Amino acid sequence: MKKSVTKYLTEFSNLKLTRPISDKIRILEICAVALTGIGKFVFMDYLSWRLPFVVVAILAWFAYVIYRYKKDKHVLKDWGFRWDNFKSVLKQMLPFAIISIVLFFIVGYMQGTINMTWHIIPLLITYPIWGSIQQFLTIGLLAGNLRDFKKIKLSKTLIIFMTAVFFSLVHYPSTWLMAGTFILALFYGYVYLKAKNIYVLGLFHGWLGALFYYTVVNQDPFADVFLKALN
């Protein structure tokens, strides 16, 4: 009983210390996410500046996270950059991840698109970083802000669906990527709105995404990004 009271008082104290975010700020963040999505089409798809765009996007959003953190020390936890629920969210994600991996190899085998090379190893290490940024933008800022609007109240189902549609459209024109990310975002949005944890979502996004490329999509992102940049 004593522990429960202490936990409640701590959470209440943290809530009071957290600065309220206006709807205006939330709208600006959503617009910034949309601009990042548009930038993907311009710099990655049209100009083929894939690596520079990813690096600049990571640095720019990292700077914004630092800026917001200096103004509100609790914003990281509110977004989902937290470790206290890492294990519980990880357990929720594991069944989905295992089923997804099995399906990847089944589809890849049927298509003849399984291409497991050593290139996947550095991608499994680096892709979770970019995956965390993507989850922070699409799930943390988009879904999170849509849920927390003060003047506009949307159902969780609509928020999850809107987020999934956005995440899918960003991966145009690849049909497989659009379908895969839509399903992924549906599940990720559901998990996030129950228990926020960007670390787990980003980790699985990176690992599942890497396997998806080398089993279903028949692409080699490591060669397309890093090897081209070196040549």
Protein backbone atom coordinates (compact mmCIF):
# COMPACT_ATOMS: atom_id res chain seq x y z
CA MET A 1 0.00 0.00 0.00
CA LYS A 2 2.82 2.37 0.94
CA LYS A 3 4.62 1.67 -2.34
CA SER A 4 1.44 2.35 -4.32
CA VAL A 5 0.93 5.70 -2.59
CA THR A 6 4.56 6.66 -3.18
CA LYS A 7 4.32 5.68 -6.86
CA TYR A 8 1.11 7.71 -7.25
CA LEU A 9 2.65 10.79 -5.60
CA THR A 10 5.74 10.51 -7.82
CA GLU A 11 3.65 10.27 -10.99
CA PHE A 12 1.46 13.18 -9.82
CA SER A 13 4.55 15.27 -9.10
CA ASN A 14 5.98 14.51 -12.52
CA LEU A 15 2.67 15.44 -14.12
CA LYS A 16 2.66 18.81 -12.40
CA LEU A 17 6.25 19.52 -13.46
CA THR A 18 5.50 18.75 -17.10
CA ARG A 19 4.73 21.89 -19.07
CA PRO A 20 1.45 21.75 -20.97
CA ILE A 21 1.89 21.72 -24.74
CA SER A 22 -0.43 23.93 -26.77
CA ASP A 23 -2.34 22.67 -29.78
CA LYS A 24 -0.35 25.18 -31.84
CA ILE A 25 2.92 23.42 -30.96
CA ARG A 26 1.37 20.05 -31.73
CA ILE A 27 0.19 21.26 -35.15
CA LEU A 28 3.66 22.66 -35.92
CA GLU A 29 5.23 19.32 -34.99
CA ILE A 30 2.79 17.44 -37.23
CA CYS A 31 3.60 19.84 -40.08
CA ALA A 32 7.33 19.28 -39.52
CA VAL A 33 6.76 15.53 -39.71
CA ALA A 34 4.83 16.00 -42.97
CA LEU A 35 7.68 18.14 -44.39
CA THR A 36 10.16 15.41 -43.48
CA GLY A 37 7.97 12.95 -45.39
CA ILE A 38 7.91 15.27 -48.42
CA GLY A 39 11.67 15.64 -48.13
CA LYS A 40 11.97 11.87 -48.53
CA PHE A 41 10.37 12.06 -51.98
CA VAL A 42 12.49 15.04 -53.03
CA PHE A 43 15.92 14.11 -51.68
CA MET A 44 15.80 10.31 -51.53
CA ASP A 45 13.57 9.38 -54.47
CA TYR A 46 14.09 12.23 -56.95
CA LEU A 47 17.63 13.46 -56.23
CA SER A 48 18.92 10.10 -54.90
CA TRP A 49 20.54 11.83 -51.90
CA ARG A 50 19.53 8.99 -49.62
CA LEU A 51 22.40 9.00 -47.11
CA PRO A 52 22.72 12.82 -46.82
CA PHE A 53 18.97 13.13 -46.25
CA VAL A 54 18.95 10.45 -43.55
CA VAL A 55 21.95 12.03 -41.77
CA VAL A 56 20.50 15.56 -41.92
CA ALA A 57 17.06 14.36 -40.78
CA ILE A 58 18.56 12.49 -37.82
CA LEU A 59 20.69 15.48 -36.77
CA ALA A 60 17.84 17.98 -37.21
CA TRP A 61 15.33 15.99 -35.19
CA PHE A 62 17.97 15.15 -32.56
CA ALA A 63 18.57 18.90 -32.17
CA TYR A 64 14.83 19.45 -31.73
CA VAL A 65 14.65 16.72 -29.08
CA ILE A 66 17.50 18.41 -27.17
CA TYR A 67 15.76 21.79 -27.51
CA ARG A 68 12.48 20.44 -26.10
CA TYR A 69 14.29 18.54 -23.36
CA LYS A 70 15.97 21.74 -22.12
CA LYS A 71 12.54 23.33 -21.78
CA ASP A 72 10.85 20.29 -20.23
CA LYS A 73 12.87 17.52 -18.55
CA HIS A 74 9.91 15.15 -18.70
CA VAL A 75 9.27 15.39 -22.43
CA LEU A 76 11.49 12.41 -23.31
CA LYS A 77 9.50 10.06 -21.13
CA ASP A 78 6.27 11.55 -22.42
CA TRP A 79 7.37 10.83 -26.00
CA GLY A 80 8.39 7.28 -25.14
CA PHE A 81 12.17 7.53 -24.70
CA ARG A 82 12.09 5.45 -21.53
CA TRP A 83 13.48 2.24 -20.05
CA ASP A 84 11.05 1.51 -17.23
CA ASN A 85 8.60 -0.35 -19.48
CA PHE A 86 11.14 -1.69 -22.00
CA LYS A 87 10.71 -5.35 -21.04
CA SER A 88 6.92 -5.28 -20.96
CA VAL A 89 6.66 -3.62 -24.40
CA LEU A 90 9.33 -6.00 -25.72
CA LYS A 91 7.17 -8.96 -24.67
CA GLN A 92 4.18 -7.46 -26.48
CA MET A 93 6.24 -7.04 -29.65
CA LEU A 94 7.92 -10.48 -29.75
CA PRO A 95 4.96 -12.57 -31.02
CA PHE A 96 4.28 -10.05 -33.80
CA ALA A 97 7.97 -9.98 -34.73
CA ILE A 98 8.30 -13.78 -34.84
CA ILE A 99 5.17 -14.19 -36.98
CA SER A 100 6.39 -11.40 -39.29
CA ILE A 101 9.82 -12.99 -39.79
CA VAL A 102 8.28 -16.37 -40.61
CA LEU A 103 5.98 -14.72 -43.16
CA PHE A 104 8.92 -12.80 -44.67
CA PHE A 105 10.79 -16.02 -45.42
CA ILE A 106 7.67 -17.79 -46.70
CA VAL A 107 6.88 -14.97 -49.13
CA GLY A 108 10.54 -14.60 -50.06
CA TYR A 109 10.83 -18.33 -50.76
CA MET A 110 7.70 -18.29 -52.92
CA GLN A 111 8.96 -15.26 -54.85
CA GLY A 112 12.56 -16.42 -55.02
CA THR A 113 13.68 -13.11 -53.51
CA ILE A 114 15.62 -14.28 -50.45
CA ASN A 115 19.06 -12.69 -50.67
CA MET A 116 20.78 -13.03 -47.31
CA THR A 117 24.26 -11.53 -47.67
CA TRP A 118 26.71 -10.13 -45.13
CA HIS A 119 25.34 -6.69 -46.05
CA ILE A 120 22.46 -7.27 -43.65
CA ILE A 121 24.80 -7.30 -40.62
CA PRO A 122 25.76 -3.58 -40.66
CA LEU A 123 22.17 -2.77 -41.53
CA LEU A 124 20.89 -4.63 -38.46
CA ILE A 125 23.24 -2.47 -36.38
CA THR A 126 22.55 0.93 -37.95
CA TYR A 127 18.95 0.68 -39.18
CA PRO A 128 17.41 0.71 -35.66
CA ILE A 129 18.76 4.27 -35.27
CA TRP A 130 16.89 5.45 -38.36
CA GLY A 131 13.98 3.25 -37.35
CA SER A 132 13.78 4.99 -33.97
CA ILE A 133 13.68 8.38 -35.70
CA GLN A 134 10.87 7.17 -37.99
CA GLN A 135 8.89 5.80 -35.05
CA PHE A 136 9.44 8.99 -33.09
CA LEU A 137 8.05 11.03 -35.99
CA THR A 138 5.17 8.86 -37.19
CA ILE A 139 4.09 7.25 -33.92
CA GLY A 140 5.44 9.55 -31.21
CA LEU A 141 4.72 12.96 -32.74
CA LEU A 142 1.95 12.17 -35.21
CA ALA A 143 -0.13 9.64 -33.25
CA GLY A 144 0.83 11.14 -29.89
CA ASN A 145 -0.12 14.70 -30.86
CA LEU A 146 -3.35 13.61 -32.55
CA ARG A 147 -4.35 11.87 -29.34
CA ASP A 148 -3.40 14.76 -27.04
CA PHE A 149 -5.12 17.61 -28.90
CA LYS A 150 -7.15 19.68 -26.44
CA LYS A 151 -9.76 21.11 -28.82
CA ILE A 152 -10.07 18.14 -31.16
CA LYS A 153 -10.81 14.67 -29.82
CA LEU A 154 -10.21 11.74 -32.15
CA SER A 155 -10.82 8.07 -31.46
CA LYS A 156 -7.79 5.81 -31.01
CA THR A 157 -8.92 3.73 -33.98
CA LEU A 158 -8.94 6.76 -36.27
CA ILE A 159 -5.58 7.97 -34.96
CA ILE A 160 -3.97 4.59 -35.56
CA PHE A 161 -5.48 4.35 -39.05
CA MET A 162 -4.39 7.89 -40.03
CA THR A 163 -0.87 7.23 -38.78
CA ALA A 164 -0.68 3.94 -40.69
CA VAL A 165 -1.88 5.60 -43.91
CA PHE A 166 0.74 8.35 -43.58
CA PHE A 167 3.53 5.87 -42.85
CA SER A 168 2.46 3.76 -45.82
CA LEU A 169 2.31 6.70 -48.25
CA VAL A 170 5.82 7.80 -47.28
CA HIS A 171 7.10 4.48 -48.64
CA TYR A 172 5.54 4.99 -52.09
CA PRO A 173 6.07 3.68 -54.79
CA SER A 174 7.11 0.24 -53.47
CA THR A 175 3.93 -1.82 -53.13
CA TRP A 176 5.53 -4.27 -50.73
CA LEU A 177 6.92 -1.51 -48.51
CA MET A 178 3.60 0.35 -48.48
CA ALA A 179 1.70 -2.79 -47.49
CA GLY A 180 4.28 -3.86 -44.91
CA THR A 181 4.61 -0.46 -43.25
CA PHE A 182 0.83 -0.02 -43.14
CA ILE A 183 0.41 -3.26 -41.19
CA LEU A 184 3.44 -2.43 -39.05
CA ALA A 185 2.10 1.03 -38.17
CA LEU A 186 -1.31 -0.37 -37.24
CA PHE A 187 0.25 -2.65 -34.66
CA TYR A 188 2.86 -0.12 -33.53
CA GLY A 189 0.22 2.57 -33.07
CA TYR A 190 -1.89 0.21 -30.96
CA VAL A 191 1.11 -0.70 -28.77
CA TYR A 192 2.31 2.91 -28.44
CA LEU A 193 -1.04 4.29 -27.34
CA LYS A 194 -1.12 1.61 -24.62
CA ALA A 195 2.50 1.87 -23.45
CA LYS A 196 4.88 4.39 -24.97
CA ASN A 197 8.37 3.12 -25.78
CA ILE A 198 10.20 4.44 -28.84
CA TYR A 199 13.28 2.31 -28.15
CA VAL A 200 11.46 -1.00 -28.62
CA LEU A 201 9.53 0.22 -31.67
CA GLY A 202 12.69 1.58 -33.28
CA LEU A 203 14.65 -1.59 -32.57
CA PHE A 204 12.04 -3.85 -34.14
CA HIS A 205 11.48 -1.41 -36.98
CA GLY A 206 15.17 -1.62 -37.86
CA TRP A 207 15.47 -5.40 -37.59
CA LEU A 208 12.18 -6.25 -39.29
CA GLY A 209 12.81 -3.63 -41.96
CA ALA A 210 16.25 -5.02 -42.75
CA LEU A 211 14.94 -8.59 -43.03
CA PHE A 212 12.00 -7.38 -45.14
CA TYR A 213 14.37 -5.82 -47.68
CA TYR A 214 16.51 -8.96 -48.04
CA THR A 215 13.66 -11.47 -48.11
CA VAL A 216 10.55 -9.89 -49.65
CA VAL A 217 11.47 -6.61 -51.40
CA ASN A 218 14.62 -8.01 -53.06
CA GLN A 219 16.63 -4.83 -52.45
CA ASP A 220 20.03 -4.25 -50.89
CA PRO A 221 19.84 -0.97 -48.90
CA PHE A 222 23.45 -1.33 -47.73
CA ALA A 223 24.68 -1.33 -51.34
CA ASP A 224 22.23 1.40 -52.37
CA VAL A 225 23.21 3.72 -49.51
CA PHE A 226 26.69 3.03 -48.18
CA LEU A 227 28.50 1.43 -51.13
CA LYS A 228 27.22 4.07 -53.56
CA ALA A 229 28.35 6.80 -51.16
CA LEU A 230 31.86 5.30 -51.04
CA ASN A 231 32.18 4.95 -54.83
